N, C-alpha and C. Protein backbone atom coordinates (compact mmCIF):
# COMPACT_ATOMS: atom_id res chain seq x y z
N UNK A 1 93.55 -50.86 124.07
CA UNK A 1 94.48 -50.48 123.53
C UNK A 1 95.93 -50.78 124.50
N UNK A 2 96.88 -51.07 123.66
CA UNK A 2 98.15 -51.44 124.19
C UNK A 2 99.37 -50.71 124.69
N UNK A 3 100.15 -50.75 125.36
CA UNK A 3 101.42 -49.48 125.68
C UNK A 3 102.07 -49.23 124.30
N UNK A 4 102.16 -50.03 123.52
CA UNK A 4 102.80 -49.31 122.05
C UNK A 4 101.91 -48.76 121.62
N UNK A 5 100.95 -48.33 121.94
CA UNK A 5 100.31 -47.65 121.05
C UNK A 5 100.40 -46.21 121.49
N UNK A 6 100.99 -46.18 122.44
CA UNK A 6 101.58 -44.58 123.26
C UNK A 6 102.74 -43.77 122.57
N UNK A 7 102.99 -42.73 122.33
CA UNK A 7 104.28 -42.30 122.37
C UNK A 7 104.96 -41.95 123.90
N UNK A 8 106.41 -41.37 123.67
CA UNK A 8 107.26 -40.83 124.86
C UNK A 8 106.33 -39.89 125.91
N UNK A 9 105.40 -39.08 125.44
CA UNK A 9 104.74 -38.05 126.24
C UNK A 9 103.61 -39.02 126.84
N UNK A 10 103.16 -40.29 126.42
CA UNK A 10 101.98 -41.16 127.22
C UNK A 10 100.81 -40.60 126.57
N UNK A 11 101.09 -40.09 124.95
CA UNK A 11 99.62 -39.71 123.74
C UNK A 11 99.67 -40.97 123.00
N UNK A 12 98.15 -41.21 122.49
CA UNK A 12 98.25 -42.28 121.51
C UNK A 12 99.09 -41.32 120.37
N UNK A 13 99.81 -42.48 119.49
CA UNK A 13 100.61 -42.43 118.58
C UNK A 13 99.27 -42.10 117.69
N UNK A 14 99.94 -41.34 116.21
CA UNK A 14 98.85 -40.85 115.35
C UNK A 14 99.22 -41.97 114.15
N UNK A 15 97.76 -42.35 113.99
CA UNK A 15 97.91 -43.37 112.90
C UNK A 15 98.35 -43.28 111.76
N UNK A 16 99.12 -43.87 110.65
CA UNK A 16 99.51 -43.62 109.26
C UNK A 16 98.59 -42.75 108.59
N UNK A 17 97.27 -43.41 108.66
CA UNK A 17 96.39 -42.60 107.72
C UNK A 17 96.32 -40.97 108.08
N UNK A 18 96.55 -40.81 109.40
CA UNK A 18 96.36 -39.17 109.63
C UNK A 18 97.46 -38.72 108.66
N UNK A 19 98.76 -39.13 108.24
CA UNK A 19 99.79 -38.73 107.89
C UNK A 19 99.37 -38.65 106.53
N UNK A 20 99.11 -39.33 105.89
CA UNK A 20 98.59 -39.63 104.72
C UNK A 20 97.18 -38.55 104.37
N UNK A 21 96.33 -38.17 105.09
CA UNK A 21 95.32 -37.55 104.58
C UNK A 21 95.84 -36.13 104.55
N UNK A 22 96.78 -35.89 105.79
CA UNK A 22 97.60 -34.70 105.91
C UNK A 22 98.09 -34.24 104.34
N UNK A 23 98.69 -35.10 103.90
CA UNK A 23 99.64 -34.99 102.68
C UNK A 23 98.59 -34.79 101.41
N UNK A 24 97.48 -35.46 101.62
CA UNK A 24 96.65 -35.13 100.53
C UNK A 24 96.13 -33.94 100.56
N UNK A 25 95.82 -33.14 101.69
CA UNK A 25 95.31 -31.93 101.98
C UNK A 25 96.24 -30.90 101.61
N UNK A 26 97.08 -31.10 102.10
CA UNK A 26 98.29 -30.08 101.84
C UNK A 26 98.86 -30.39 100.37
N UNK A 27 98.28 -31.14 99.53
CA UNK A 27 98.78 -31.32 98.27
C UNK A 27 99.07 -30.01 97.24
N UNK A 28 98.33 -28.84 97.40
CA UNK A 28 98.84 -27.90 96.99
C UNK A 28 100.13 -27.31 97.08
N UNK A 29 100.08 -27.37 98.32
CA UNK A 29 101.80 -26.45 99.23
C UNK A 29 102.59 -27.87 98.59
N UNK A 30 102.72 -29.03 98.49
CA UNK A 30 103.65 -30.06 98.25
C UNK A 30 104.12 -29.39 96.83
N UNK A 31 102.77 -29.65 95.67
CA UNK A 31 102.96 -28.85 94.38
C UNK A 31 103.91 -27.61 94.53
N UNK A 32 103.56 -26.72 95.27
CA UNK A 32 104.17 -25.32 95.13
C UNK A 32 105.57 -25.49 95.15
N UNK A 33 105.95 -26.37 96.25
CA UNK A 33 107.88 -26.69 96.63
C UNK A 33 108.10 -27.51 95.93
N UNK A 34 107.80 -28.18 95.13
CA UNK A 34 108.32 -29.41 94.27
C UNK A 34 108.25 -27.88 92.77
N UNK A 35 107.15 -27.61 92.57
CA UNK A 35 107.37 -26.18 91.56
C UNK A 35 108.68 -25.08 91.69
N UNK A 36 108.67 -25.18 92.93
CA UNK A 36 110.34 -23.98 93.12
C UNK A 36 111.24 -24.64 93.08
N UNK A 37 111.28 -25.85 93.81
CA UNK A 37 112.56 -26.80 93.41
C UNK A 37 113.18 -27.15 91.72
N UNK A 38 112.34 -27.01 90.88
CA UNK A 38 112.65 -27.62 89.69
C UNK A 38 112.45 -26.05 89.11
N UNK A 39 113.16 -25.20 89.27
CA UNK A 39 112.88 -24.01 89.21
C UNK A 39 112.55 -23.81 87.02
N UNK A 40 113.05 -24.06 86.17
CA UNK A 40 113.12 -24.05 84.82
C UNK A 40 111.47 -24.66 85.19
N UNK A 41 111.10 -25.78 85.49
CA UNK A 41 109.93 -26.69 85.07
C UNK A 41 108.87 -26.15 85.81
N UNK A 42 109.19 -25.76 86.74
CA UNK A 42 107.94 -25.19 87.94
C UNK A 42 106.72 -24.65 87.56
N UNK A 43 106.85 -23.59 86.32
CA UNK A 43 105.31 -22.99 86.09
C UNK A 43 104.76 -23.35 85.30
N UNK A 44 105.34 -24.50 83.99
CA UNK A 44 104.51 -25.63 83.48
C UNK A 44 104.06 -26.84 84.33
N UNK A 45 104.70 -26.81 85.55
CA UNK A 45 103.75 -27.92 86.52
C UNK A 45 102.70 -27.84 86.95
N UNK A 46 102.88 -25.98 87.67
CA UNK A 46 101.35 -25.49 88.29
C UNK A 46 100.63 -25.67 87.42
N UNK A 47 101.31 -25.06 85.77
CA UNK A 47 99.86 -24.95 84.82
C UNK A 47 98.75 -26.14 84.57
N UNK A 48 100.02 -27.38 84.85
CA UNK A 48 99.43 -28.40 84.09
C UNK A 48 98.54 -29.34 85.22
N UNK A 49 98.74 -29.12 86.78
CA UNK A 49 97.74 -29.15 87.63
C UNK A 49 96.74 -28.10 87.99
N UNK A 50 97.25 -26.97 87.63
CA UNK A 50 96.23 -25.91 88.05
C UNK A 50 95.81 -25.00 86.77
N UNK A 51 95.32 -25.47 85.76
CA UNK A 51 95.17 -24.50 84.70
C UNK A 51 94.43 -23.13 85.25
N UNK A 52 93.57 -22.98 86.23
CA UNK A 52 92.66 -21.99 86.69
C UNK A 52 93.96 -21.81 87.82
N UNK A 53 94.05 -20.46 87.97
CA UNK A 53 94.77 -19.49 89.11
C UNK A 53 94.12 -19.55 90.00
N UNK A 54 92.63 -19.54 90.40
CA UNK A 54 91.82 -19.47 91.37
C UNK A 54 92.13 -20.98 91.87
N UNK A 55 91.50 -21.78 91.29
CA UNK A 55 91.91 -23.34 91.93
C UNK A 55 93.06 -23.28 92.89
N UNK A 56 93.94 -22.57 92.17
CA UNK A 56 95.37 -22.98 92.67
C UNK A 56 95.71 -22.13 94.48
N UNK A 57 94.84 -20.83 94.11
CA UNK A 57 94.70 -20.08 95.39
C UNK A 57 93.88 -20.59 96.56
N UNK A 58 93.00 -21.20 95.80
CA UNK A 58 92.13 -21.75 96.92
C UNK A 58 92.53 -23.09 97.45
N UNK A 59 93.74 -23.48 96.77
CA UNK A 59 94.21 -25.15 97.01
C UNK A 59 95.22 -24.40 98.59
N UNK A 60 96.13 -23.25 98.17
CA UNK A 60 96.69 -22.88 98.90
C UNK A 60 96.33 -22.64 100.13
N UNK A 61 95.01 -21.87 100.35
CA UNK A 61 94.11 -21.09 101.46
C UNK A 61 94.01 -22.72 102.37
N UNK A 62 93.25 -23.36 101.41
CA UNK A 62 92.87 -24.73 101.83
C UNK A 62 93.69 -25.79 102.59
N UNK A 63 95.08 -25.42 102.23
CA UNK A 63 96.03 -26.33 102.68
C UNK A 63 96.99 -25.65 103.94
N UNK A 64 96.47 -24.57 104.16
CA UNK A 64 96.98 -23.79 105.17
C UNK A 64 96.96 -24.43 106.90
N UNK A 65 95.16 -25.15 106.85
CA UNK A 65 95.39 -26.01 108.25
C UNK A 65 96.12 -27.40 107.92
N UNK A 66 96.24 -27.78 107.21
CA UNK A 66 96.95 -29.03 107.33
C UNK A 66 98.23 -28.90 107.55
N UNK A 67 99.01 -27.58 107.00
CA UNK A 67 100.25 -27.36 107.18
C UNK A 67 100.24 -27.29 108.65
N UNK A 68 99.72 -26.54 109.22
CA UNK A 68 99.88 -25.87 110.55
C UNK A 68 99.72 -27.13 111.71
N UNK A 69 98.62 -27.93 111.25
CA UNK A 69 98.54 -29.10 112.05
C UNK A 69 99.63 -30.15 111.80
N UNK A 70 100.44 -30.44 110.99
CA UNK A 70 101.59 -31.00 111.02
C UNK A 70 102.80 -30.58 111.66
N UNK A 71 102.69 -29.23 111.57
CA UNK A 71 103.82 -28.61 112.51
C UNK A 71 103.35 -28.61 114.11
N UNK A 72 101.98 -28.65 114.37
CA UNK A 72 101.53 -28.92 115.61
C UNK A 72 101.68 -30.35 116.19
N UNK A 73 101.63 -31.26 115.36
CA UNK A 73 101.57 -32.49 115.54
C UNK A 73 102.46 -32.72 116.90
N UNK A 74 103.75 -32.63 116.58
CA UNK A 74 105.05 -33.15 117.13
C UNK A 74 105.01 -32.41 118.37
N UNK A 75 104.06 -31.17 118.55
CA UNK A 75 104.21 -30.70 120.00
C UNK A 75 102.67 -30.32 120.52
N UNK A 76 101.59 -31.68 119.92
CA UNK A 76 100.31 -31.86 120.51
C UNK A 76 100.09 -31.51 122.18
N UNK A 77 101.36 -32.21 122.96
CA UNK A 77 101.05 -31.98 124.43
C UNK A 77 101.20 -31.23 125.03
N UNK A 78 102.03 -30.06 124.38
CA UNK A 78 102.38 -28.93 124.95
C UNK A 78 100.69 -27.62 124.71
N UNK A 79 100.01 -28.10 123.69
CA UNK A 79 99.11 -27.32 123.45
C UNK A 79 97.53 -28.25 123.36
N UNK A 80 97.41 -28.66 124.02
CA UNK A 80 96.27 -29.80 124.14
C UNK A 80 94.98 -29.28 123.62
N UNK A 81 94.44 -27.94 124.01
CA UNK A 81 92.95 -27.25 123.57
C UNK A 81 93.12 -27.06 122.03
N UNK A 82 94.71 -26.46 121.65
CA UNK A 82 94.49 -26.21 120.05
C UNK A 82 94.67 -27.33 119.50
N UNK A 83 95.26 -28.42 120.13
CA UNK A 83 95.37 -29.70 119.19
C UNK A 83 93.87 -30.54 118.81
N UNK A 84 93.01 -30.49 119.78
CA UNK A 84 91.58 -30.83 119.53
C UNK A 84 90.21 -29.82 119.00
N UNK A 85 90.81 -28.62 118.90
CA UNK A 85 90.51 -27.80 117.71
C UNK A 85 90.85 -28.15 116.44
N UNK A 86 91.70 -28.44 116.38
CA UNK A 86 92.58 -28.90 115.11
C UNK A 86 91.57 -29.86 114.20
N UNK A 87 91.61 -30.81 115.00
CA UNK A 87 90.56 -31.90 114.36
C UNK A 87 89.06 -31.29 113.79
N UNK A 88 88.45 -30.40 114.15
CA UNK A 88 87.75 -29.66 113.51
C UNK A 88 87.66 -28.37 112.58
N UNK A 89 89.02 -28.22 112.69
CA UNK A 89 89.12 -27.44 111.50
C UNK A 89 89.55 -27.94 110.49
N UNK A 90 90.52 -29.12 110.67
CA UNK A 90 90.82 -30.18 109.36
C UNK A 90 89.58 -30.53 108.97
N UNK A 91 88.75 -30.80 109.66
CA UNK A 91 87.30 -31.45 109.02
C UNK A 91 86.61 -30.29 108.26
N UNK A 92 86.50 -29.21 108.88
CA UNK A 92 86.06 -28.28 107.98
C UNK A 92 86.51 -28.35 106.60
N UNK A 93 88.15 -27.99 106.67
CA UNK A 93 88.62 -28.01 105.40
C UNK A 93 88.53 -28.82 104.32
N UNK A 94 88.19 -30.15 104.75
CA UNK A 94 87.88 -31.42 104.10
C UNK A 94 86.80 -30.81 103.51
N UNK A 95 85.49 -30.94 103.97
CA UNK A 95 84.45 -30.57 103.53
C UNK A 95 84.53 -29.55 102.34
N UNK A 96 85.18 -28.23 103.01
CA UNK A 96 85.17 -27.48 101.82
C UNK A 96 85.93 -27.52 100.38
N UNK A 97 87.22 -28.36 101.19
CA UNK A 97 88.18 -29.01 99.26
C UNK A 97 87.13 -29.64 98.60
N UNK A 98 86.07 -30.38 99.47
CA UNK A 98 85.67 -31.85 98.62
C UNK A 98 84.45 -30.54 97.98
N UNK A 99 83.38 -30.20 98.53
CA UNK A 99 82.36 -28.90 97.80
C UNK A 99 83.13 -28.46 96.98
N UNK A 100 84.61 -27.81 96.98
CA UNK A 100 85.35 -27.06 95.76
C UNK A 100 85.16 -27.82 94.55
N UNK A 101 85.76 -29.06 95.10
CA UNK A 101 86.13 -30.04 93.68
C UNK A 101 84.56 -30.61 93.14
N UNK A 102 83.20 -30.83 93.89
CA UNK A 102 82.39 -31.11 93.33
C UNK A 102 81.75 -29.97 92.34
N UNK A 103 82.18 -28.66 93.02
CA UNK A 103 81.24 -27.76 91.81
C UNK A 103 82.64 -27.49 90.62
N UNK A 104 83.88 -27.46 91.11
CA UNK A 104 84.62 -27.64 89.77
C UNK A 104 84.15 -28.38 88.72
N UNK A 105 83.73 -29.72 89.10
CA UNK A 105 83.69 -31.31 88.16
C UNK A 105 82.37 -31.02 87.50
N UNK A 106 81.40 -30.62 88.60
CA UNK A 106 80.06 -29.92 87.79
C UNK A 106 80.08 -28.95 86.94
N UNK A 107 81.14 -27.80 86.82
CA UNK A 107 80.94 -27.19 86.00
C UNK A 107 81.85 -27.19 84.65
N UNK A 108 82.73 -28.15 84.72
CA UNK A 108 83.22 -29.01 83.83
C UNK A 108 83.10 -30.35 83.43
N UNK A 109 81.24 -30.44 83.21
CA UNK A 109 80.72 -31.81 83.02
C UNK A 109 81.13 -32.55 81.82
N UNK A 110 81.05 -31.62 80.77
CA UNK A 110 81.36 -31.62 79.18
C UNK A 110 82.85 -32.17 78.85
N UNK A 111 83.79 -31.71 79.58
CA UNK A 111 85.18 -32.29 79.80
C UNK A 111 85.65 -33.27 81.06
N UNK A 112 85.12 -34.33 81.42
CA UNK A 112 85.42 -35.05 82.60
C UNK A 112 87.06 -34.85 82.62
N UNK A 113 87.83 -34.76 83.84
CA UNK A 113 88.93 -34.81 84.24
C UNK A 113 89.58 -35.99 84.87
N UNK A 114 89.84 -36.77 84.30
CA UNK A 114 90.31 -37.63 85.13
C UNK A 114 90.78 -37.85 86.49
N UNK A 115 92.19 -36.55 86.82
CA UNK A 115 92.68 -36.60 87.78
C UNK A 115 91.73 -35.88 89.16
N UNK A 116 91.07 -34.86 88.57
CA UNK A 116 90.04 -34.70 89.13
C UNK A 116 89.05 -35.55 90.04
N UNK A 117 88.40 -36.60 89.39
CA UNK A 117 88.10 -37.44 89.68
C UNK A 117 88.45 -38.47 90.88
N UNK A 118 89.76 -38.54 90.43
CA UNK A 118 90.43 -39.30 91.52
C UNK A 118 90.54 -38.94 93.00
N UNK A 119 91.17 -37.55 92.50
CA UNK A 119 91.40 -36.46 93.95
C UNK A 119 89.99 -36.55 94.62
N UNK A 120 89.03 -36.44 93.80
CA UNK A 120 87.60 -36.51 94.66
C UNK A 120 87.01 -37.46 95.23
N UNK A 121 88.11 -38.91 94.63
CA UNK A 121 87.46 -40.05 95.26
C UNK A 121 88.31 -40.31 96.59
N UNK A 122 89.63 -40.15 96.44
CA UNK A 122 90.36 -40.04 97.57
C UNK A 122 89.88 -38.95 98.44
N UNK A 123 89.78 -37.99 98.41
CA UNK A 123 89.06 -36.62 99.45
C UNK A 123 87.96 -37.35 100.17
N UNK A 124 86.98 -37.72 99.12
CA UNK A 124 85.80 -38.62 99.94
C UNK A 124 86.22 -39.86 101.04
N UNK A 125 87.23 -41.04 100.63
CA UNK A 125 87.49 -41.68 101.37
C UNK A 125 88.65 -41.13 102.67
N UNK A 126 88.99 -39.99 102.32
CA UNK A 126 89.88 -39.60 103.81
C UNK A 126 88.75 -38.89 105.08
N UNK A 127 87.83 -38.43 104.06
CA UNK A 127 86.58 -37.75 104.99
C UNK A 127 85.71 -38.72 105.77
N UNK A 128 85.56 -40.21 104.78
CA UNK A 128 85.00 -41.34 105.47
C UNK A 128 86.08 -41.57 106.70
N UNK A 129 87.14 -41.76 106.41
CA UNK A 129 88.03 -42.09 107.60
C UNK A 129 88.29 -41.28 108.68
N UNK A 130 88.23 -39.84 108.47
CA UNK A 130 88.60 -38.98 109.43
C UNK A 130 87.40 -38.92 110.28
N UNK A 131 85.94 -39.43 109.50
CA UNK A 131 84.64 -39.11 110.32
C UNK A 131 84.53 -40.25 111.29
N UNK A 132 84.94 -41.79 110.67
CA UNK A 132 84.58 -42.94 111.00
C UNK A 132 85.69 -43.72 112.19
N UNK A 133 86.92 -43.32 111.84
CA UNK A 133 88.09 -44.00 112.76
C UNK A 133 87.84 -43.34 114.26
N UNK A 134 88.00 -44.56 115.09
CA UNK A 134 87.56 -44.26 116.57
C UNK A 134 88.79 -44.08 116.93
N UNK A 135 89.99 -44.48 116.49
CA UNK A 135 91.26 -44.24 116.80
C UNK A 135 91.79 -43.21 116.81
N UNK A 136 91.84 -42.38 115.34
CA UNK A 136 91.97 -40.93 114.85
C UNK A 136 91.03 -40.18 116.16
N UNK A 137 90.24 -40.25 116.34
CA UNK A 137 88.99 -39.54 116.89
C UNK A 137 89.71 -39.43 118.50
N UNK A 138 90.18 -40.59 119.18
CA UNK A 138 90.88 -40.74 120.42
C UNK A 138 92.07 -39.95 120.17
N UNK A 139 92.85 -39.85 119.53
CA UNK A 139 94.17 -39.46 119.81
C UNK A 139 93.98 -37.52 119.23
N UNK A 140 92.77 -37.16 119.10
CA UNK A 140 92.33 -35.97 119.50
C UNK A 140 91.57 -35.40 120.87
N UNK A 141 90.92 -36.54 121.07
CA UNK A 141 90.57 -36.45 122.08
C UNK A 141 91.02 -36.14 123.79
N UNK A 142 90.57 -35.62 124.46
CA UNK A 142 90.49 -35.02 125.98
C UNK A 142 91.95 -35.69 126.76
N UNK A 143 93.03 -35.58 126.75
CA UNK A 143 94.10 -36.30 127.50
C UNK A 143 93.97 -37.71 127.70
N UNK A 144 94.11 -38.41 126.30
CA UNK A 144 94.47 -39.78 126.42
C UNK A 144 95.22 -40.10 126.61
N UNK A 145 95.99 -40.43 127.74
CA UNK A 145 97.64 -40.76 128.36
C UNK A 145 97.66 -41.53 129.05
N UNK A 146 98.81 -42.41 128.73
CA UNK A 146 99.39 -43.95 129.42
C UNK A 146 99.70 -43.11 130.45
N UNK A 147 99.36 -43.83 132.13
CA UNK A 147 99.84 -42.83 132.83
C UNK A 147 100.63 -43.98 133.75
């Protein structure tokens, strides 16, 4: 790795895919904020993407770790142990999200939803990247600093 891969605190810069995965995992929160911003169409927007209220609340609950990790990412040098644990927390959340999507798709086999299938594929790709990226794993590793 070259010196440009490190930030001003001497820590590895987070890859672009990390931010994409956080947005993907916090999608319910983003939709909730967008629905709140568009007051008149907000309820219709939520009903379009989450016709079942239970899946909305699951999405809100499973979106908490990505939101917290997003907030922590700029201060990861201050809490390195919490930052290291956040890798596993988000990984567990990704597995839970993927499993819930699989159960939801299995229960609605008679009427497949293209959006659910696309989101499941995106989640599978994000999970694969999260598990296989050495660079991302190094960003969560112990004291990867340029001194």
